Each structure stands twice: as structure tokens, then as C-alpha cells.
N, C-alpha and C. Protein backbone atom coordinates (compact mmCIF):
# COMPACT_ATOMS: atom_id res chain seq x y z
N MET A 1 -43.93 31.20 17.39
CA MET A 1 -42.69 31.86 17.04
C MET A 1 -41.92 30.98 16.05
N ASP A 2 -41.29 31.64 15.10
CA ASP A 2 -40.55 30.94 14.05
C ASP A 2 -39.05 30.94 14.35
N ILE A 3 -38.36 30.03 13.69
CA ILE A 3 -36.91 29.96 13.73
C ILE A 3 -36.39 30.43 12.38
N ALA A 4 -35.40 31.31 12.39
CA ALA A 4 -34.75 31.78 11.17
C ALA A 4 -33.29 31.33 11.21
N VAL A 5 -32.75 30.99 10.06
CA VAL A 5 -31.36 30.54 9.97
C VAL A 5 -30.64 31.41 8.95
N VAL A 6 -29.45 31.90 9.34
CA VAL A 6 -28.64 32.74 8.46
C VAL A 6 -27.28 32.09 8.28
N GLY A 7 -26.87 31.93 7.03
CA GLY A 7 -25.56 31.36 6.76
C GLY A 7 -25.42 31.00 5.30
N THR A 8 -24.38 30.25 5.02
CA THR A 8 -24.14 29.80 3.67
C THR A 8 -25.18 28.74 3.31
N PRO A 9 -25.37 28.49 2.02
CA PRO A 9 -26.31 27.43 1.63
C PRO A 9 -25.97 26.07 2.26
N GLU A 10 -24.70 25.78 2.42
CA GLU A 10 -24.29 24.52 3.05
C GLU A 10 -24.70 24.48 4.52
N PHE A 11 -24.60 25.62 5.20
CA PHE A 11 -24.97 25.71 6.61
C PHE A 11 -26.48 25.58 6.80
N THR A 12 -27.24 26.21 5.94
CA THR A 12 -28.70 26.22 6.10
C THR A 12 -29.37 24.95 5.58
N LEU A 13 -28.67 24.14 4.80
CA LEU A 13 -29.28 22.96 4.19
C LEU A 13 -29.87 21.99 5.22
N GLY A 14 -29.14 21.70 6.27
CA GLY A 14 -29.63 20.79 7.31
C GLY A 14 -30.89 21.31 7.97
N PHE A 15 -30.96 22.61 8.20
CA PHE A 15 -32.15 23.21 8.79
C PHE A 15 -33.33 23.14 7.83
N GLN A 16 -33.03 23.31 6.55
CA GLN A 16 -34.08 23.21 5.53
C GLN A 16 -34.64 21.79 5.51
N LEU A 17 -33.79 20.80 5.58
CA LEU A 17 -34.23 19.42 5.60
C LEU A 17 -35.03 19.09 6.85
N ALA A 18 -34.77 19.81 7.94
CA ALA A 18 -35.51 19.61 9.19
C ALA A 18 -36.85 20.35 9.19
N GLY A 19 -37.11 21.16 8.15
CA GLY A 19 -38.40 21.82 8.04
C GLY A 19 -38.42 23.30 8.38
N VAL A 20 -37.26 23.90 8.61
CA VAL A 20 -37.22 25.34 8.88
C VAL A 20 -37.44 26.09 7.57
N ASP A 21 -38.36 27.06 7.60
CA ASP A 21 -38.73 27.79 6.38
C ASP A 21 -37.97 29.10 6.19
N HIS A 22 -37.60 29.75 7.27
CA HIS A 22 -36.97 31.07 7.19
C HIS A 22 -35.45 30.92 7.05
N LEU A 23 -35.00 30.71 5.82
CA LEU A 23 -33.58 30.54 5.55
C LEU A 23 -33.06 31.77 4.81
N HIS A 24 -31.90 32.25 5.22
CA HIS A 24 -31.31 33.45 4.61
C HIS A 24 -29.87 33.15 4.25
N ASN A 25 -29.52 33.39 2.98
CA ASN A 25 -28.16 33.19 2.49
C ASN A 25 -27.62 34.48 1.89
N PRO A 26 -27.49 35.54 2.69
CA PRO A 26 -27.01 36.81 2.13
C PRO A 26 -25.53 36.72 1.78
N GLU A 27 -25.17 37.42 0.72
CA GLU A 27 -23.76 37.48 0.30
C GLU A 27 -23.28 38.91 0.42
N GLY A 28 -22.19 39.10 1.10
CA GLY A 28 -21.64 40.44 1.29
C GLY A 28 -22.09 41.06 2.59
N GLU A 29 -21.29 42.00 3.07
CA GLU A 29 -21.55 42.61 4.37
C GLU A 29 -22.83 43.44 4.37
N GLU A 30 -23.09 44.18 3.30
CA GLU A 30 -24.31 45.01 3.23
C GLU A 30 -25.56 44.14 3.36
N ALA A 31 -25.61 43.06 2.59
CA ALA A 31 -26.77 42.16 2.62
C ALA A 31 -26.89 41.48 3.99
N MET A 32 -25.76 41.14 4.60
CA MET A 32 -25.77 40.50 5.90
C MET A 32 -26.34 41.43 6.96
N VAL A 33 -25.87 42.66 6.98
CA VAL A 33 -26.36 43.64 7.96
C VAL A 33 -27.85 43.89 7.75
N SER A 34 -28.26 44.04 6.52
CA SER A 34 -29.67 44.26 6.20
C SER A 34 -30.53 43.08 6.66
N THR A 35 -30.06 41.86 6.46
CA THR A 35 -30.80 40.67 6.87
C THR A 35 -30.98 40.64 8.38
N PHE A 36 -29.92 40.91 9.13
CA PHE A 36 -30.01 40.87 10.58
C PHE A 36 -30.91 41.98 11.12
N LYS A 37 -30.84 43.15 10.54
CA LYS A 37 -31.70 44.24 10.99
C LYS A 37 -33.17 43.91 10.75
N SER A 38 -33.48 43.30 9.60
CA SER A 38 -34.88 42.94 9.34
C SER A 38 -35.33 41.83 10.27
N LEU A 39 -34.44 40.89 10.61
CA LEU A 39 -34.82 39.82 11.54
C LEU A 39 -35.04 40.35 12.95
N LEU A 40 -34.26 41.33 13.36
CA LEU A 40 -34.44 41.92 14.69
C LEU A 40 -35.80 42.62 14.80
N ASN A 41 -36.31 43.14 13.70
CA ASN A 41 -37.59 43.85 13.71
C ASN A 41 -38.77 42.95 13.37
N ASN A 42 -38.52 41.69 13.06
CA ASN A 42 -39.58 40.76 12.70
C ASN A 42 -40.13 40.12 13.97
N LYS A 43 -41.37 40.44 14.31
CA LYS A 43 -41.98 39.96 15.55
C LYS A 43 -42.34 38.48 15.51
N SER A 44 -42.39 37.87 14.32
CA SER A 44 -42.76 36.46 14.23
C SER A 44 -41.56 35.53 14.44
N VAL A 45 -40.35 36.08 14.45
CA VAL A 45 -39.15 35.27 14.62
C VAL A 45 -38.73 35.29 16.09
N GLY A 46 -38.62 34.10 16.69
CA GLY A 46 -38.23 34.00 18.10
C GLY A 46 -36.78 33.61 18.30
N ILE A 47 -36.23 32.84 17.33
CA ILE A 47 -34.84 32.38 17.42
C ILE A 47 -34.18 32.57 16.07
N VAL A 48 -32.98 33.12 16.10
CA VAL A 48 -32.16 33.26 14.89
C VAL A 48 -30.90 32.43 15.10
N VAL A 49 -30.71 31.44 14.26
CA VAL A 49 -29.51 30.60 14.30
C VAL A 49 -28.58 31.10 13.21
N VAL A 50 -27.34 31.35 13.57
CA VAL A 50 -26.38 31.90 12.61
C VAL A 50 -25.05 31.16 12.73
N ASP A 51 -24.38 31.02 11.62
CA ASP A 51 -23.04 30.44 11.61
C ASP A 51 -22.12 31.35 12.42
N SER A 52 -21.40 30.79 13.38
CA SER A 52 -20.59 31.61 14.29
C SER A 52 -19.50 32.40 13.57
N THR A 53 -19.00 31.90 12.44
CA THR A 53 -17.99 32.65 11.69
C THR A 53 -18.59 33.91 11.07
N ILE A 54 -19.85 33.83 10.64
CA ILE A 54 -20.54 35.01 10.11
C ILE A 54 -20.79 36.00 11.23
N LEU A 55 -21.22 35.50 12.37
CA LEU A 55 -21.49 36.36 13.52
C LEU A 55 -20.24 37.12 13.94
N ALA A 56 -19.10 36.45 13.91
CA ALA A 56 -17.84 37.09 14.31
C ALA A 56 -17.41 38.16 13.32
N GLY A 57 -17.85 38.07 12.06
CA GLY A 57 -17.45 39.03 11.03
C GLY A 57 -18.34 40.25 10.93
N LEU A 58 -19.41 40.31 11.73
CA LEU A 58 -20.32 41.45 11.69
C LEU A 58 -19.71 42.65 12.40
N PRO A 59 -20.17 43.85 12.06
CA PRO A 59 -19.69 45.03 12.79
C PRO A 59 -19.99 44.90 14.29
N GLU A 60 -19.10 45.43 15.10
CA GLU A 60 -19.19 45.28 16.55
C GLU A 60 -20.52 45.79 17.12
N ARG A 61 -20.97 46.90 16.63
CA ARG A 61 -22.23 47.48 17.14
C ARG A 61 -23.41 46.54 16.89
N LEU A 62 -23.46 45.93 15.70
CA LEU A 62 -24.53 45.00 15.37
C LEU A 62 -24.41 43.73 16.19
N ARG A 63 -23.18 43.23 16.38
CA ARG A 63 -22.97 42.04 17.23
C ARG A 63 -23.46 42.29 18.64
N ASP A 64 -23.18 43.46 19.19
CA ASP A 64 -23.64 43.80 20.53
C ASP A 64 -25.16 43.84 20.58
N GLN A 65 -25.77 44.40 19.56
CA GLN A 65 -27.22 44.48 19.48
C GLN A 65 -27.83 43.08 19.40
N LEU A 66 -27.22 42.21 18.62
CA LEU A 66 -27.72 40.84 18.48
C LEU A 66 -27.56 40.05 19.78
N SER A 67 -26.44 40.22 20.47
CA SER A 67 -26.22 39.46 21.70
C SER A 67 -27.11 39.96 22.83
N ALA A 68 -27.53 41.22 22.78
CA ALA A 68 -28.41 41.76 23.81
C ALA A 68 -29.88 41.48 23.53
N SER A 69 -30.18 41.03 22.33
CA SER A 69 -31.57 40.81 21.94
C SER A 69 -32.16 39.60 22.68
N VAL A 70 -33.35 39.79 23.22
CA VAL A 70 -34.06 38.71 23.89
C VAL A 70 -35.05 38.07 22.93
N SER A 71 -35.73 38.88 22.16
CA SER A 71 -36.67 38.38 21.17
C SER A 71 -36.44 39.11 19.87
N PRO A 72 -35.80 38.52 18.90
CA PRO A 72 -35.40 37.11 18.87
C PRO A 72 -34.08 36.86 19.59
N THR A 73 -33.93 35.65 20.06
CA THR A 73 -32.67 35.21 20.65
C THR A 73 -31.76 34.76 19.51
N VAL A 74 -30.54 35.25 19.51
CA VAL A 74 -29.59 34.93 18.43
C VAL A 74 -28.57 33.93 18.96
N LEU A 75 -28.48 32.78 18.27
CA LEU A 75 -27.56 31.73 18.66
C LEU A 75 -26.55 31.50 17.56
N GLY A 76 -25.27 31.65 17.88
CA GLY A 76 -24.21 31.37 16.93
C GLY A 76 -23.71 29.95 17.12
N ILE A 77 -23.75 29.15 16.07
CA ILE A 77 -23.24 27.78 16.17
C ILE A 77 -22.26 27.54 15.04
N GLY A 78 -21.35 26.61 15.24
CA GLY A 78 -20.37 26.31 14.22
C GLY A 78 -19.49 25.17 14.62
N THR A 79 -18.46 24.93 13.82
CA THR A 79 -17.57 23.80 14.07
C THR A 79 -16.48 24.13 15.08
N GLU A 80 -16.10 25.40 15.19
CA GLU A 80 -15.11 25.78 16.19
C GLU A 80 -15.77 25.88 17.55
N GLU A 81 -14.97 25.67 18.60
CA GLU A 81 -15.51 25.80 19.94
C GLU A 81 -15.90 27.26 20.17
N ASP A 82 -17.11 27.44 20.62
CA ASP A 82 -17.65 28.78 20.79
C ASP A 82 -18.48 28.78 22.07
N THR A 83 -18.35 29.82 22.86
CA THR A 83 -19.10 29.88 24.11
C THR A 83 -20.33 30.78 24.00
N THR A 84 -20.72 31.16 22.79
CA THR A 84 -21.87 32.04 22.61
C THR A 84 -23.14 31.43 23.18
N LEU A 85 -23.41 30.17 22.83
CA LEU A 85 -24.61 29.51 23.32
C LEU A 85 -24.56 29.38 24.84
N ARG A 86 -23.42 29.00 25.36
CA ARG A 86 -23.25 28.86 26.81
C ARG A 86 -23.50 30.19 27.52
N ASP A 87 -22.93 31.26 26.98
CA ASP A 87 -23.12 32.58 27.59
C ASP A 87 -24.57 33.04 27.49
N THR A 88 -25.22 32.75 26.37
CA THR A 88 -26.62 33.14 26.18
C THR A 88 -27.51 32.43 27.20
N ILE A 89 -27.30 31.14 27.40
CA ILE A 89 -28.10 30.39 28.37
C ILE A 89 -27.82 30.89 29.78
N ARG A 90 -26.56 31.15 30.08
CA ARG A 90 -26.21 31.65 31.42
C ARG A 90 -26.87 33.00 31.70
N LYS A 91 -26.91 33.89 30.68
CA LYS A 91 -27.56 35.18 30.86
C LYS A 91 -29.06 35.03 31.01
N ALA A 92 -29.65 34.09 30.26
CA ALA A 92 -31.10 33.94 30.27
C ALA A 92 -31.62 33.34 31.57
N ILE A 93 -30.94 32.30 32.08
CA ILE A 93 -31.47 31.62 33.28
C ILE A 93 -30.63 31.84 34.52
N GLY A 94 -29.45 32.42 34.36
CA GLY A 94 -28.62 32.75 35.51
C GLY A 94 -27.79 31.58 36.05
N VAL A 95 -27.74 30.47 35.28
CA VAL A 95 -27.00 29.29 35.73
C VAL A 95 -26.14 28.80 34.58
N ASP A 96 -24.91 28.39 34.88
CA ASP A 96 -24.04 27.81 33.87
C ASP A 96 -24.30 26.31 33.83
N LEU A 97 -24.98 25.84 32.80
CA LEU A 97 -25.36 24.43 32.69
C LEU A 97 -24.19 23.51 32.38
N TRP A 98 -23.06 24.05 31.98
CA TRP A 98 -21.91 23.22 31.62
C TRP A 98 -21.07 22.84 32.84
N LYS A 99 -21.41 23.34 34.01
CA LYS A 99 -20.64 23.01 35.22
C LYS A 99 -21.33 21.96 36.02
């Protein structure tokens, strides 16, 4: 399974340096929605890492679809405190690891 990263070029640069090949830098809402829909249908992608600010700006229906997705698992990360990763892990294994 592959890892895909979606975000600005600055966000994806570190992942590129770490060897991740599936990098996406869509500009605009149309391109962003199209990128996420194609990633949801891509069977070779197991994890999608996305900048949490981009994730928050997506249409609500798509955000719900992404958060409910098991394969690929979508993880929003960023500089602001965000509980997306915590909630995803809690849903997946049934335990809150931060307690």
C-alpha cells in the first residue's frame, strides 16, 4: 500500500524528501475535490496525509466521506492543534491512546 500526500508544495516537500512518491498539489476547490475523489477510488493508496487546513476547507459531504473511509485512511495533520488523528485512532482501535 502506498502513502499519498495532499497539500501545498511547502507541506509536501518534507514527505518528498522522505521518499513518498504520490504527492498532490492541487490549486482551487475543483482540483482539490477531484484529487480526493480519485484517491478514494485508488486501490493502491492505503494512507492519505493532508494538511488539516485544506481538510477543513473541503465541502462537508466530502469531509464526511473522507473521515469514514477505512481504505484509504485519511489523516489531517498541521501546525494547529487538531484531534483528527486522535479521533481516527480511537475509531480504528476503540481506545484513546492519549489518556
